[in-house]
Amino acid sequence: MMSSTKLRARSRTRSLLIKLGAALAGLTLISVPGAVADEGAAAERDCSDPGATLVPNRYDEEFCVFDDELFVFAANYKPFEYSPTEDRQATRVFDEMIGNKLRAAFPDLKIKYATWDMPIRYEDLQAAGVVPDIVIDNPRNRIDRDLEPLGWVEDMTPGLAEAGVDLAPLNQAAIELVRSRSDGGLYGVPVFIDEHLLFYNKAIFDKFGRSYPKPGWTYDDAYKAAKRLTRQDGLAAYKGYLQHPDNYLEFNQRGLYPFTDAGSEQPAPEDVAIDLTTEEWAELGANLERFLLIPRNGFTTVDDLVKGDMSRPGRVAMAVDSLRKLPLYAGSELMTDDGDEESYAEWMKSVDLGIAPVPVLEQGSTTIYQPNTLAAFVTKQSAKKEAAYQVIKWLVSEEAQTELSRHAIKAVLPTEQVIASFGEAIPELKEIDTSAVYWGENATVTGYQNTEYWDIPLYMVFRQHVLKDAMTVDSALIVADQEDIPAYIKSRAEAGFDF
């Protein structure tokens, strides 16, 4: 890894070249009142200037944070990593979705944004002694895996109250998901939801004369369609239905939580208790198991709706997948990683895309998955908390939530304006019915009080025991409950971890 001395030397050289180039070209850099370059992006600053802290990284790319900047760091939302520059910084997607509007809303605030691995990671920031003011990340498992071990989280309830942030209008299932991982407090505020939807290929439904999925479709409806659409037609093989079994359990529509009351929000590892053997867990398992037992409908990857592990594109009728795939499949350049454009354009020739809500468990239900939310966390160490909380307040405002929704992201503030604006900034979605995005209510996690979340290996239930070991799902749940998960917790605790 390049040393700080070498990085500073390279920074000074780069600065001199920039200034020399500007002088030779006879350029004059000016600022225009009321206007900011790149719709609010801060003017170029040099990492050799006073007040900069360099953050060495595995890519040996120059990265620094200035002490007068409010530093926002985002992780675990793949589109934010798209369109990296030559020096491996990825800001374009964030800026176009929300960053430019954020800077315009706070013209006197210097805002620095970075995406995980572009070029820095959590461990790089920790090594450099740099703590972001705001982190945007997945609260479901990243509070315990990353933010708590780093010591960056604290209960935001007092700060939110002082800043006048009203949580009542927001998606309450998303709020509860964050609370369930916050040790009795509220470590973060949900900002948007990467919702799970039922993607389907209209071409396959049309070919075999079946009706399209629709809101309120039950799993029974989906199962009947899956059986009829999993078939061989000449040399073409079709799968009817794919749903990732891990996500099905993690975001389950019953709101079930695998942990049971341990008498404390932070119990010792040996006191952590789980229960996957209840009738409700068994019913959930059996509901999905039947799809996996349809001959030739074996689970591969939900990417196979377009192209994943299967050798030919467009041979899956239905797949439950994340909302972020919608603009990608529709052909949005912004939401497609560099170099993938031609491949997706070719694969999508075999897919006539439609979306519906995920199937519901009972007729008349409107309960969809628990929210796959991204939340904003004001760090304990931030020296700019007042400004950070005002940024949080703006991020959940109708202005900001409308902007996110315009860019095909499900907002946590479901006002009429926000919902009506969905996809307006993504012209490729114009011909697709996107009403499924805001349909229904997210399941709300329950029974999390006096528990500590561990990122337990629920994948053992289906992907190991059902699909590989040929167990029934009832047996798989018992084995995971009595053997796999206790062994995991014990091994992690012995290694010094608590997640």
Protein backbone atom coordinates (compact mmCIF):
# COMPACT_ATOMS: atom_id res chain seq x y z
CA MET A 1 0.00 0.00 0.00
CA MET A 2 1.27 3.47 -0.86
CA SER A 3 2.51 5.46 2.12
CA SER A 4 0.99 8.78 3.20
CA THR A 5 4.23 10.52 2.22
CA LYS A 6 4.04 9.14 -1.32
CA LEU A 7 0.36 10.00 -1.57
CA ARG A 8 1.06 13.59 -0.52
CA ALA A 9 3.91 13.79 -3.02
CA ARG A 10 1.65 12.54 -5.79
CA SER A 11 -1.02 15.00 -4.65
CA ARG A 12 1.40 17.95 -4.85
CA THR A 13 2.54 16.85 -8.31
CA ARG A 14 -1.06 16.54 -9.49
CA SER A 15 -1.85 19.99 -8.07
CA LEU A 16 1.07 21.59 -9.88
CA LEU A 17 0.09 19.96 -13.17
CA ILE A 18 -3.49 21.18 -12.83
CA LYS A 19 -2.37 24.73 -12.02
CA LEU A 20 0.20 24.68 -14.83
CA GLY A 21 -2.38 23.45 -17.30
CA ALA A 22 -4.80 26.17 -16.28
CA ALA A 23 -2.12 28.84 -16.62
CA LEU A 24 -1.03 27.64 -20.07
CA ALA A 25 -4.60 27.66 -21.25
CA GLY A 26 -5.12 31.17 -19.89
CA LEU A 27 -8.02 29.98 -17.78
CA THR A 28 -9.55 31.95 -14.91
CA LEU A 29 -11.48 30.03 -12.27
CA ILE A 30 -14.46 32.02 -11.02
CA SER A 31 -17.40 31.40 -8.78
CA VAL A 32 -20.89 32.46 -9.79
CA PRO A 33 -23.22 33.57 -6.98
CA GLY A 34 -26.18 31.22 -6.72
CA ALA A 35 -24.59 28.59 -8.97
CA VAL A 36 -22.33 25.70 -8.08
CA ALA A 37 -20.28 23.56 -10.46
CA ASP A 38 -21.86 20.19 -11.26
CA GLU A 39 -25.15 21.13 -9.58
CA GLY A 40 -23.62 21.53 -6.18
CA ALA A 41 -20.41 19.52 -6.24
CA ALA A 42 -17.67 21.15 -4.18
CA ALA A 43 -14.79 22.86 -5.97
CA GLU A 44 -11.69 20.75 -6.53
CA ARG A 45 -9.46 20.64 -3.46
CA ASP A 46 -6.02 19.18 -3.12
CA CYS A 47 -5.10 16.52 -0.58
CA SER A 48 -1.84 18.30 0.17
CA ASP A 49 -3.71 21.35 1.45
CA PRO A 50 -4.00 22.03 5.19
CA GLY A 51 -6.88 20.32 6.94
CA ALA A 52 -6.85 17.20 4.77
CA THR A 53 -6.54 13.69 6.19
CA LEU A 54 -5.35 11.09 3.72
CA VAL A 55 -6.98 7.67 3.77
CA PRO A 56 -4.59 5.04 2.34
CA ASN A 57 -6.36 2.14 0.64
CA ARG A 58 -5.70 -1.16 -1.14
CA TYR A 59 -5.95 0.49 -4.54
CA ASP A 60 -3.27 3.10 -3.82
CA GLU A 61 -5.65 5.79 -4.99
CA GLU A 62 -5.54 9.24 -3.46
CA PHE A 63 -8.45 9.91 -1.11
CA CYS A 64 -8.75 12.47 1.63
CA VAL A 65 -11.31 14.16 3.84
CA PHE A 66 -11.06 17.78 4.95
CA ASP A 67 -11.87 18.73 8.51
CA ASP A 68 -14.39 21.35 7.35
CA GLU A 69 -16.37 18.83 5.27
CA LEU A 70 -19.48 16.93 6.32
CA PHE A 71 -18.51 13.43 5.25
CA VAL A 72 -21.22 11.05 3.99
CA PHE A 73 -20.23 7.43 3.39
CA ALA A 74 -22.55 4.83 1.80
CA ALA A 75 -22.27 1.06 1.59
CA ASN A 76 -24.26 -1.98 0.48
CA TYR A 77 -26.34 -0.41 -2.26
CA LYS A 78 -24.79 -1.70 -5.46
CA PRO A 79 -25.85 1.07 -7.87
CA PHE A 80 -23.87 3.61 -5.84
CA GLU A 81 -20.73 1.73 -6.95
CA TYR A 82 -21.45 2.21 -10.66
CA SER A 83 -19.64 4.60 -13.03
CA PRO A 84 -16.33 4.84 -11.13
CA THR A 85 -13.73 7.32 -12.33
CA GLU A 86 -10.19 6.35 -13.31
CA ASP A 87 -9.06 7.03 -9.74
CA ARG A 88 -11.82 4.70 -8.48
CA GLN A 89 -14.24 7.19 -7.00
CA ALA A 90 -17.94 6.50 -7.58
CA THR A 91 -20.16 9.50 -6.90
CA ARG A 92 -22.18 9.86 -10.10
CA VAL A 93 -25.20 7.69 -9.21
CA PHE A 94 -25.51 9.12 -5.69
CA ASP A 95 -25.15 12.66 -6.99
CA GLU A 96 -27.74 12.27 -9.74
CA MET A 97 -30.20 10.50 -7.45
CA ILE A 98 -29.95 12.77 -4.43
CA GLY A 99 -26.48 14.29 -3.89
CA ASN A 100 -26.87 17.28 -6.20
CA LYS A 101 -30.22 18.20 -4.63
CA LEU A 102 -28.72 17.71 -1.17
CA ARG A 103 -25.90 20.16 -1.86
CA ALA A 104 -28.33 22.66 -3.37
CA ALA A 105 -30.41 22.43 -0.19
CA PHE A 106 -27.31 23.21 1.92
CA PRO A 107 -25.28 25.67 -0.17
CA ASP A 108 -23.12 26.75 2.77
CA LEU A 109 -22.22 23.18 3.75
CA LYS A 110 -19.21 21.44 2.24
CA ILE A 111 -20.38 17.88 1.67
CA LYS A 112 -17.95 15.06 0.88
CA TYR A 113 -19.45 11.81 -0.39
CA ALA A 114 -17.85 8.41 -0.91
CA THR A 115 -19.03 4.91 -1.70
CA TRP A 116 -17.67 1.74 -0.07
CA ASP A 117 -14.68 0.28 -1.95
CA MET A 118 -14.48 3.39 -4.15
CA PRO A 119 -11.66 3.42 -3.19
CA ILE A 120 -12.01 3.18 0.61
CA ARG A 121 -13.57 0.65 2.97
CA TYR A 122 -14.55 0.76 6.62
CA GLU A 123 -11.21 -0.65 7.71
CA ASP A 124 -9.34 2.04 5.75
CA LEU A 125 -11.27 4.79 7.50
CA GLN A 126 -10.66 3.19 10.87
CA ALA A 127 -6.92 2.89 10.21
CA ALA A 128 -6.73 6.55 9.16
CA GLY A 129 -8.73 7.72 12.18
CA VAL A 130 -11.48 9.13 9.97
CA VAL A 131 -15.13 8.71 11.02
CA PRO A 132 -17.88 9.80 8.62
CA ASP A 133 -20.49 12.19 9.94
CA ILE A 134 -23.27 10.20 8.26
CA VAL A 135 -23.23 6.58 7.17
CA ILE A 136 -25.86 5.17 4.82
CA ASP A 137 -26.00 1.39 5.09
CA ASN A 138 -28.22 -1.65 5.52
CA PRO A 139 -29.38 -1.77 9.15
CA ARG A 140 -30.60 -5.36 8.99
CA ASN A 141 -27.16 -6.90 9.48
CA ARG A 142 -24.61 -4.10 9.10
CA ILE A 143 -25.26 -2.46 12.45
CA ASP A 144 -23.94 -5.58 14.15
CA ARG A 145 -21.35 -6.55 11.54
CA ASP A 146 -19.76 -3.15 10.96
CA LEU A 147 -21.11 -0.10 12.76
CA GLU A 148 -21.28 -1.41 16.33
CA PRO A 149 -17.81 -3.03 16.23
CA LEU A 150 -16.44 0.27 14.93
CA GLY A 151 -18.09 2.09 17.83
CA TRP A 152 -19.82 4.53 15.49
CA VAL A 153 -23.48 4.17 16.52
CA GLU A 154 -25.50 5.75 19.30
CA ASP A 155 -29.18 6.23 20.05
CA MET A 156 -30.30 9.00 17.70
CA THR A 157 -33.63 9.58 19.48
CA PRO A 158 -32.53 12.77 21.36
CA GLY A 159 -30.82 14.25 18.31
CA LEU A 160 -33.81 13.57 16.09
CA ALA A 161 -36.14 15.23 18.59
CA GLU A 162 -33.89 18.27 18.89
CA ALA A 163 -33.69 18.60 15.10
CA GLY A 164 -37.46 18.28 14.75
CA VAL A 165 -37.37 15.09 12.67
CA ASP A 166 -40.87 13.61 12.56
CA LEU A 167 -40.76 9.84 12.15
CA ALA A 168 -44.53 9.34 12.24
CA PRO A 169 -45.18 9.81 8.49
CA LEU A 170 -42.41 7.37 7.52
CA ASN A 171 -42.75 3.68 6.71
CA GLN A 172 -43.18 2.27 10.21
CA ALA A 173 -42.08 -1.24 9.25
CA ALA A 174 -38.73 0.28 8.21
CA ILE A 175 -38.51 2.16 11.51
CA GLU A 176 -39.20 -1.06 13.44
CA LEU A 177 -36.56 -2.96 11.48
CA VAL A 178 -33.96 -0.39 12.52
CA ARG A 179 -35.19 -0.49 16.13
CA SER A 180 -34.92 -4.28 16.18
CA ARG A 181 -31.15 -3.95 15.71
CA SER A 182 -30.65 -0.89 17.95
CA ASP A 183 -30.36 -2.32 21.47
CA GLY A 184 -33.44 -0.56 22.78
CA GLY A 185 -32.85 2.74 21.01
CA LEU A 186 -32.83 3.92 17.39
CA TYR A 187 -29.41 3.92 15.76
CA GLY A 188 -30.52 5.14 12.33
CA VAL A 189 -33.34 6.58 10.23
CA PRO A 190 -34.58 4.70 7.15
CA VAL A 191 -34.11 6.69 3.94
CA PHE A 192 -35.26 4.36 1.16
CA ILE A 193 -36.27 0.76 0.48
CA ASP A 194 -34.81 -1.62 -2.08
CA GLU A 195 -38.16 -3.39 -2.23
CA HIS A 196 -38.62 -7.00 -3.28
CA LEU A 197 -40.93 -7.48 -6.26
CA LEU A 198 -42.16 -10.29 -8.45
CA PHE A 199 -40.49 -9.81 -11.84
CA TYR A 200 -41.99 -11.76 -14.70
CA ASN A 201 -41.42 -12.38 -18.39
CA LYS A 202 -44.61 -11.59 -20.28
CA ALA A 203 -43.31 -13.46 -23.33
CA ILE A 204 -43.45 -16.79 -21.48
CA PHE A 205 -46.94 -16.12 -20.11
CA ASP A 206 -48.12 -15.17 -23.60
CA LYS A 207 -46.48 -18.18 -25.22
CA PHE A 208 -48.31 -20.61 -22.95
CA GLY A 209 -51.55 -18.66 -22.59
CA ARG A 210 -51.37 -17.78 -18.91
CA SER A 211 -52.61 -14.62 -17.16
CA TYR A 212 -49.99 -12.23 -15.77
CA PRO A 213 -49.34 -11.94 -12.02
CA LYS A 214 -51.24 -9.12 -10.34
CA PRO A 215 -51.45 -7.38 -6.95
CA GLY A 216 -52.97 -9.65 -4.34
CA TRP A 217 -51.80 -12.84 -6.04
CA THR A 218 -51.32 -15.51 -3.37
CA TYR A 219 -48.53 -18.04 -3.20
CA ASP A 220 -51.16 -20.61 -4.18
CA ASP A 221 -51.78 -18.63 -7.38
CA ALA A 222 -48.04 -18.38 -8.04
CA TYR A 223 -47.59 -22.12 -7.40
CA LYS A 224 -50.29 -23.08 -9.89
CA ALA A 225 -48.71 -20.83 -12.51
CA ALA A 226 -45.21 -22.10 -11.71
CA LYS A 227 -46.26 -25.72 -12.27
CA ARG A 228 -47.78 -24.90 -15.64
CA LEU A 229 -44.87 -22.75 -16.80
CA THR A 230 -42.07 -25.11 -15.75
CA ARG A 231 -41.89 -27.15 -18.92
CA GLN A 232 -39.96 -28.37 -21.92
CA ASP A 233 -40.97 -26.98 -25.30
CA GLY A 234 -38.92 -28.56 -28.04
CA LEU A 235 -35.31 -27.84 -27.11
CA ALA A 236 -36.29 -24.91 -24.89
CA ALA A 237 -36.58 -25.53 -21.12
CA TYR A 238 -38.45 -23.07 -18.92
CA LYS A 239 -38.51 -22.58 -15.17
CA GLY A 240 -41.70 -21.26 -13.66
CA TYR A 241 -40.64 -19.56 -10.44
CA LEU A 242 -37.49 -18.57 -8.52
CA GLN A 243 -37.37 -16.98 -5.08
CA HIS A 244 -34.23 -16.69 -3.00
CA PRO A 245 -34.90 -18.88 0.06
CA ASP A 246 -32.60 -16.92 2.38
CA ASN A 247 -34.37 -13.63 1.66
CA TYR A 248 -37.75 -15.35 1.93
CA LEU A 249 -36.91 -16.30 5.53
CA GLU A 250 -35.03 -13.12 6.47
CA PHE A 251 -37.74 -10.75 5.17
CA ASN A 252 -40.61 -13.12 5.94
CA GLN A 253 -44.15 -11.82 5.63
CA ARG A 254 -45.15 -12.98 9.13
CA GLY A 255 -42.68 -10.55 10.71
CA LEU A 256 -41.13 -13.51 12.54
CA TYR A 257 -37.85 -12.91 14.37
CA PRO A 258 -35.70 -15.97 15.04
CA PHE A 259 -34.41 -14.75 18.41
CA THR A 260 -36.34 -15.10 21.66
CA ASP A 261 -36.38 -13.03 24.84
CA ALA A 262 -33.02 -13.35 26.59
CA GLY A 263 -33.83 -10.86 29.35
CA SER A 264 -31.41 -8.25 27.99
CA GLU A 265 -30.81 -6.12 24.89
CA GLN A 266 -27.19 -7.27 24.94
CA PRO A 267 -27.13 -10.85 26.28
CA ALA A 268 -23.93 -12.86 26.52
CA PRO A 269 -23.40 -15.19 23.55
CA GLU A 270 -24.26 -18.24 25.66
CA ASP A 271 -27.59 -16.62 26.58
CA VAL A 272 -28.68 -15.91 23.00
CA ALA A 273 -31.76 -18.00 22.29
CA ILE A 274 -33.48 -18.81 18.99
CA ASP A 275 -36.56 -20.75 17.98
CA LEU A 276 -37.16 -21.88 14.40
CA THR A 277 -39.34 -24.80 15.45
CA THR A 278 -42.68 -23.02 15.88
CA GLU A 279 -45.70 -23.82 13.74
CA GLU A 280 -45.42 -20.42 12.03
CA TRP A 281 -41.85 -21.08 10.90
CA ALA A 282 -42.87 -24.55 9.71
CA GLU A 283 -45.76 -23.10 7.67
CA LEU A 284 -43.45 -20.52 6.11
CA GLY A 285 -40.97 -23.21 5.18
CA ALA A 286 -43.57 -25.51 3.65
CA ASN A 287 -45.00 -22.64 1.60
CA LEU A 288 -41.71 -22.19 -0.29
CA GLU A 289 -40.59 -25.83 -0.25
CA ARG A 290 -43.35 -26.84 -2.69
CA PHE A 291 -41.93 -24.52 -5.38
CA LEU A 292 -38.51 -26.15 -5.04
CA LEU A 293 -40.04 -29.60 -5.42
CA ILE A 294 -41.61 -28.85 -8.80
CA PRO A 295 -39.64 -31.08 -11.23
CA ARG A 296 -36.99 -29.09 -13.16
CA ASN A 297 -37.75 -25.91 -11.19
CA GLY A 298 -34.63 -26.19 -9.00
CA PHE A 299 -33.31 -22.97 -7.49
CA THR A 300 -30.27 -21.45 -9.19
CA THR A 301 -30.26 -17.65 -8.93
CA VAL A 302 -32.99 -15.06 -9.35
CA ASP A 303 -30.72 -13.39 -11.92
CA ASP A 304 -31.81 -16.16 -14.28
CA LEU A 305 -34.96 -14.19 -15.08
CA VAL A 306 -32.64 -12.40 -17.49
CA LYS A 307 -29.29 -14.22 -17.41
CA GLY A 308 -27.50 -15.84 -14.50
CA ASP A 309 -26.44 -19.47 -14.22
CA MET A 310 -28.71 -20.81 -16.96
CA SER A 311 -27.13 -21.09 -20.39
CA ARG A 312 -29.88 -19.23 -22.23
CA PRO A 313 -31.43 -15.86 -21.33
CA GLY A 314 -35.11 -15.30 -20.73
CA ARG A 315 -36.12 -18.84 -19.75
CA VAL A 316 -37.60 -18.06 -16.30
CA ALA A 317 -41.23 -16.99 -16.04
CA MET A 318 -41.14 -15.38 -12.56
CA ALA A 319 -38.49 -14.37 -10.02
CA VAL A 320 -38.65 -12.40 -6.77
CA ASP A 321 -35.84 -9.86 -6.85
CA SER A 322 -34.83 -6.37 -5.69
CA LEU A 323 -36.25 -3.14 -7.07
CA ARG A 324 -32.78 -1.95 -8.07
CA LYS A 325 -32.90 -4.49 -10.92
CA LEU A 326 -35.90 -2.76 -12.52
CA PRO A 327 -34.10 0.21 -14.14
CA LEU A 328 -31.18 -2.07 -14.98
CA TYR A 329 -33.44 -4.48 -16.88
CA ALA A 330 -35.30 -1.59 -18.48
CA GLY A 331 -32.02 -0.34 -19.97
CA SER A 332 -31.21 2.68 -17.80
CA GLU A 333 -27.64 3.74 -18.48
CA LEU A 334 -27.39 5.37 -15.06
CA MET A 335 -28.35 2.14 -13.28
CA THR A 336 -26.16 -0.20 -15.33
CA ASP A 337 -22.57 -0.88 -14.35
CA ASP A 338 -19.96 0.21 -16.87
CA GLY A 339 -19.27 -2.50 -19.43
CA ASP A 340 -22.56 -4.35 -18.88
CA GLU A 341 -24.71 -2.31 -21.25
CA GLU A 342 -24.29 -4.47 -24.37
CA SER A 343 -24.80 -7.75 -22.52
CA TYR A 344 -28.06 -6.64 -20.89
CA ALA A 345 -29.33 -5.12 -24.13
CA GLU A 346 -28.81 -8.49 -25.82
CA TRP A 347 -30.27 -10.59 -22.99
CA MET A 348 -33.35 -8.38 -22.66
CA LYS A 349 -34.32 -9.22 -26.22
CA SER A 350 -35.63 -12.46 -24.69
CA VAL A 351 -37.57 -10.75 -21.87
CA ASP A 352 -40.77 -8.72 -22.05
CA LEU A 353 -40.59 -7.30 -18.54
CA GLY A 354 -43.41 -6.93 -16.07
CA ILE A 355 -43.51 -6.50 -12.29
CA ALA A 356 -46.04 -7.31 -9.59
CA PRO A 357 -45.90 -7.28 -5.78
CA VAL A 358 -44.53 -10.40 -4.12
CA PRO A 359 -47.26 -13.01 -3.62
CA VAL A 360 -49.17 -12.77 -0.34
CA LEU A 361 -49.69 -15.57 2.16
CA GLU A 362 -53.49 -15.47 2.25
CA GLN A 363 -56.31 -14.31 0.03
CA GLY A 364 -57.12 -10.68 0.80
CA SER A 365 -53.80 -9.96 2.49
CA THR A 366 -51.75 -6.93 1.42
CA THR A 367 -48.66 -7.81 3.45
CA ILE A 368 -45.45 -7.95 1.43
CA TYR A 369 -41.84 -8.58 2.56
CA GLN A 370 -40.26 -6.79 5.49
CA PRO A 371 -38.56 -3.67 4.08
CA ASN A 372 -35.08 -4.06 2.63
CA THR A 373 -34.25 -0.59 3.87
CA LEU A 374 -31.15 1.58 3.75
CA ALA A 375 -30.81 3.86 6.76
CA ALA A 376 -28.78 6.95 7.63
CA PHE A 377 -26.72 6.92 10.83
CA VAL A 378 -25.24 10.00 12.51
CA THR A 379 -22.03 8.71 14.05
CA LYS A 380 -21.20 9.06 17.72
CA GLN A 381 -17.88 10.76 16.88
CA SER A 382 -19.25 13.38 14.45
CA ALA A 383 -18.14 16.90 15.25
CA LYS A 384 -20.88 18.27 12.98
CA LYS A 385 -23.94 16.68 14.53
CA GLU A 386 -26.18 19.71 14.25
CA ALA A 387 -25.58 19.87 10.50
CA ALA A 388 -25.78 16.08 10.18
CA TYR A 389 -29.20 15.94 11.81
CA GLN A 390 -30.45 18.70 9.54
CA VAL A 391 -29.28 16.65 6.57
CA ILE A 392 -31.18 13.65 7.96
CA LYS A 393 -34.27 15.82 8.34
CA TRP A 394 -33.98 16.88 4.71
CA LEU A 395 -33.38 13.31 3.47
CA VAL A 396 -36.78 12.23 4.82
CA SER A 397 -38.55 15.39 3.62
CA GLU A 398 -41.04 15.26 0.76
CA GLU A 399 -38.56 17.13 -1.46
CA ALA A 400 -35.81 14.54 -1.02
CA GLN A 401 -38.13 11.54 -0.99
CA THR A 402 -39.71 12.73 -4.25
CA GLU A 403 -36.27 12.96 -5.83
CA LEU A 404 -35.43 9.41 -4.76
CA SER A 405 -38.76 8.13 -6.06
CA ARG A 406 -38.21 9.93 -9.38
CA HIS A 407 -35.06 7.83 -9.75
CA ALA A 408 -36.95 4.55 -9.29
CA ILE A 409 -36.20 4.11 -5.59
CA LYS A 410 -39.00 3.30 -3.15
CA ALA A 411 -39.23 6.13 -0.66
CA VAL A 412 -40.00 5.77 3.05
CA LEU A 413 -42.36 8.76 2.93
CA PRO A 414 -45.30 7.47 0.86
CA THR A 415 -47.16 10.71 0.10
CA GLU A 416 -49.27 11.07 -3.03
CA GLN A 417 -46.63 13.31 -4.60
CA VAL A 418 -43.81 10.91 -3.84
CA ILE A 419 -45.70 7.89 -5.19
CA ALA A 420 -46.86 9.70 -8.34
CA SER A 421 -43.29 10.75 -9.16
CA PHE A 422 -41.91 7.19 -9.27
CA GLY A 423 -39.56 6.63 -12.20
CA GLU A 424 -39.98 10.06 -13.81
CA ALA A 425 -36.20 10.51 -14.08
CA ILE A 426 -35.77 7.09 -15.72
CA PRO A 427 -37.36 7.40 -19.17
CA GLU A 428 -36.79 3.71 -19.92
CA LEU A 429 -39.55 2.88 -17.40
CA LYS A 430 -42.21 4.82 -19.29
CA GLU A 431 -43.74 1.73 -20.90
CA ILE A 432 -43.67 -0.44 -17.75
CA ASP A 433 -46.49 -0.50 -15.21
CA THR A 434 -44.70 0.30 -11.95
CA SER A 435 -47.75 0.54 -9.68
CA ALA A 436 -46.58 -2.60 -7.85
CA VAL A 437 -43.71 -0.70 -6.20
CA TYR A 438 -45.88 1.05 -3.60
CA TRP A 439 -48.62 -1.60 -3.38
CA GLY A 440 -49.34 -3.22 -0.02
CA GLU A 441 -47.75 -2.84 3.40
CA ASN A 442 -44.37 -4.11 4.46
CA ALA A 443 -44.44 -6.80 7.15
CA THR A 444 -43.31 -5.51 10.53
CA VAL A 445 -40.77 -7.43 12.58
CA THR A 446 -42.06 -8.37 16.04
CA GLY A 447 -40.77 -9.92 19.25
CA TYR A 448 -37.31 -8.36 19.11
CA GLN A 449 -37.31 -6.80 22.58
CA ASN A 450 -34.62 -8.15 24.94
CA THR A 451 -32.73 -9.83 22.11
CA GLU A 452 -29.42 -9.31 20.34
CA TYR A 453 -29.28 -9.75 16.58
CA TRP A 454 -26.68 -12.17 15.21
CA ASP A 455 -26.20 -12.66 11.49
CA ILE A 456 -27.04 -16.34 11.82
CA PRO A 457 -26.72 -18.80 8.90
CA LEU A 458 -30.36 -19.12 7.88
CA TYR A 459 -29.05 -20.24 4.50
CA MET A 460 -28.49 -23.65 6.06
CA VAL A 461 -32.24 -24.31 6.10
CA PHE A 462 -32.92 -24.35 2.38
CA ARG A 463 -29.65 -24.03 0.48
CA GLN A 464 -27.88 -26.69 2.52
CA HIS A 465 -30.36 -29.04 4.13
CA VAL A 466 -33.28 -28.95 1.68
CA LEU A 467 -31.48 -28.46 -1.64
CA LYS A 468 -28.26 -30.38 -0.94
CA ASP A 469 -29.06 -32.78 1.89
CA ALA A 470 -32.55 -33.61 0.61
CA MET A 471 -34.15 -32.98 4.03
CA THR A 472 -37.74 -31.95 4.48
CA VAL A 473 -38.05 -28.33 5.47
CA ASP A 474 -39.39 -29.32 8.92
CA SER A 475 -36.23 -31.33 9.57
CA ALA A 476 -34.03 -28.57 8.13
CA LEU A 477 -35.50 -25.99 10.52
CA ILE A 478 -34.91 -28.26 13.51
CA VAL A 479 -31.31 -29.04 12.52
CA ALA A 480 -30.58 -25.36 11.91
CA ASP A 481 -32.15 -24.47 15.25
CA GLN A 482 -30.46 -27.15 17.34
CA GLU A 483 -27.12 -27.61 15.58
CA ASP A 484 -26.06 -25.09 12.94
CA ILE A 485 -26.94 -21.81 14.62
CA PRO A 486 -25.70 -22.70 18.14
CA ALA A 487 -22.44 -23.90 16.59
CA TYR A 488 -22.14 -20.68 14.61
CA ILE A 489 -22.70 -18.46 17.66
CA LYS A 490 -20.22 -20.49 19.70
CA SER A 491 -17.51 -20.34 17.03
CA ARG A 492 -17.99 -16.61 16.44
CA ALA A 493 -17.88 -15.89 20.17
CA GLU A 494 -14.68 -17.92 20.55
CA ALA A 495 -13.18 -15.85 17.74
CA GLY A 496 -14.05 -12.66 19.61
CA PHE A 497 -17.05 -11.59 17.56
CA ASP A 498 -20.61 -10.87 18.67
CA PHE A 499 -22.46 -11.03 15.36
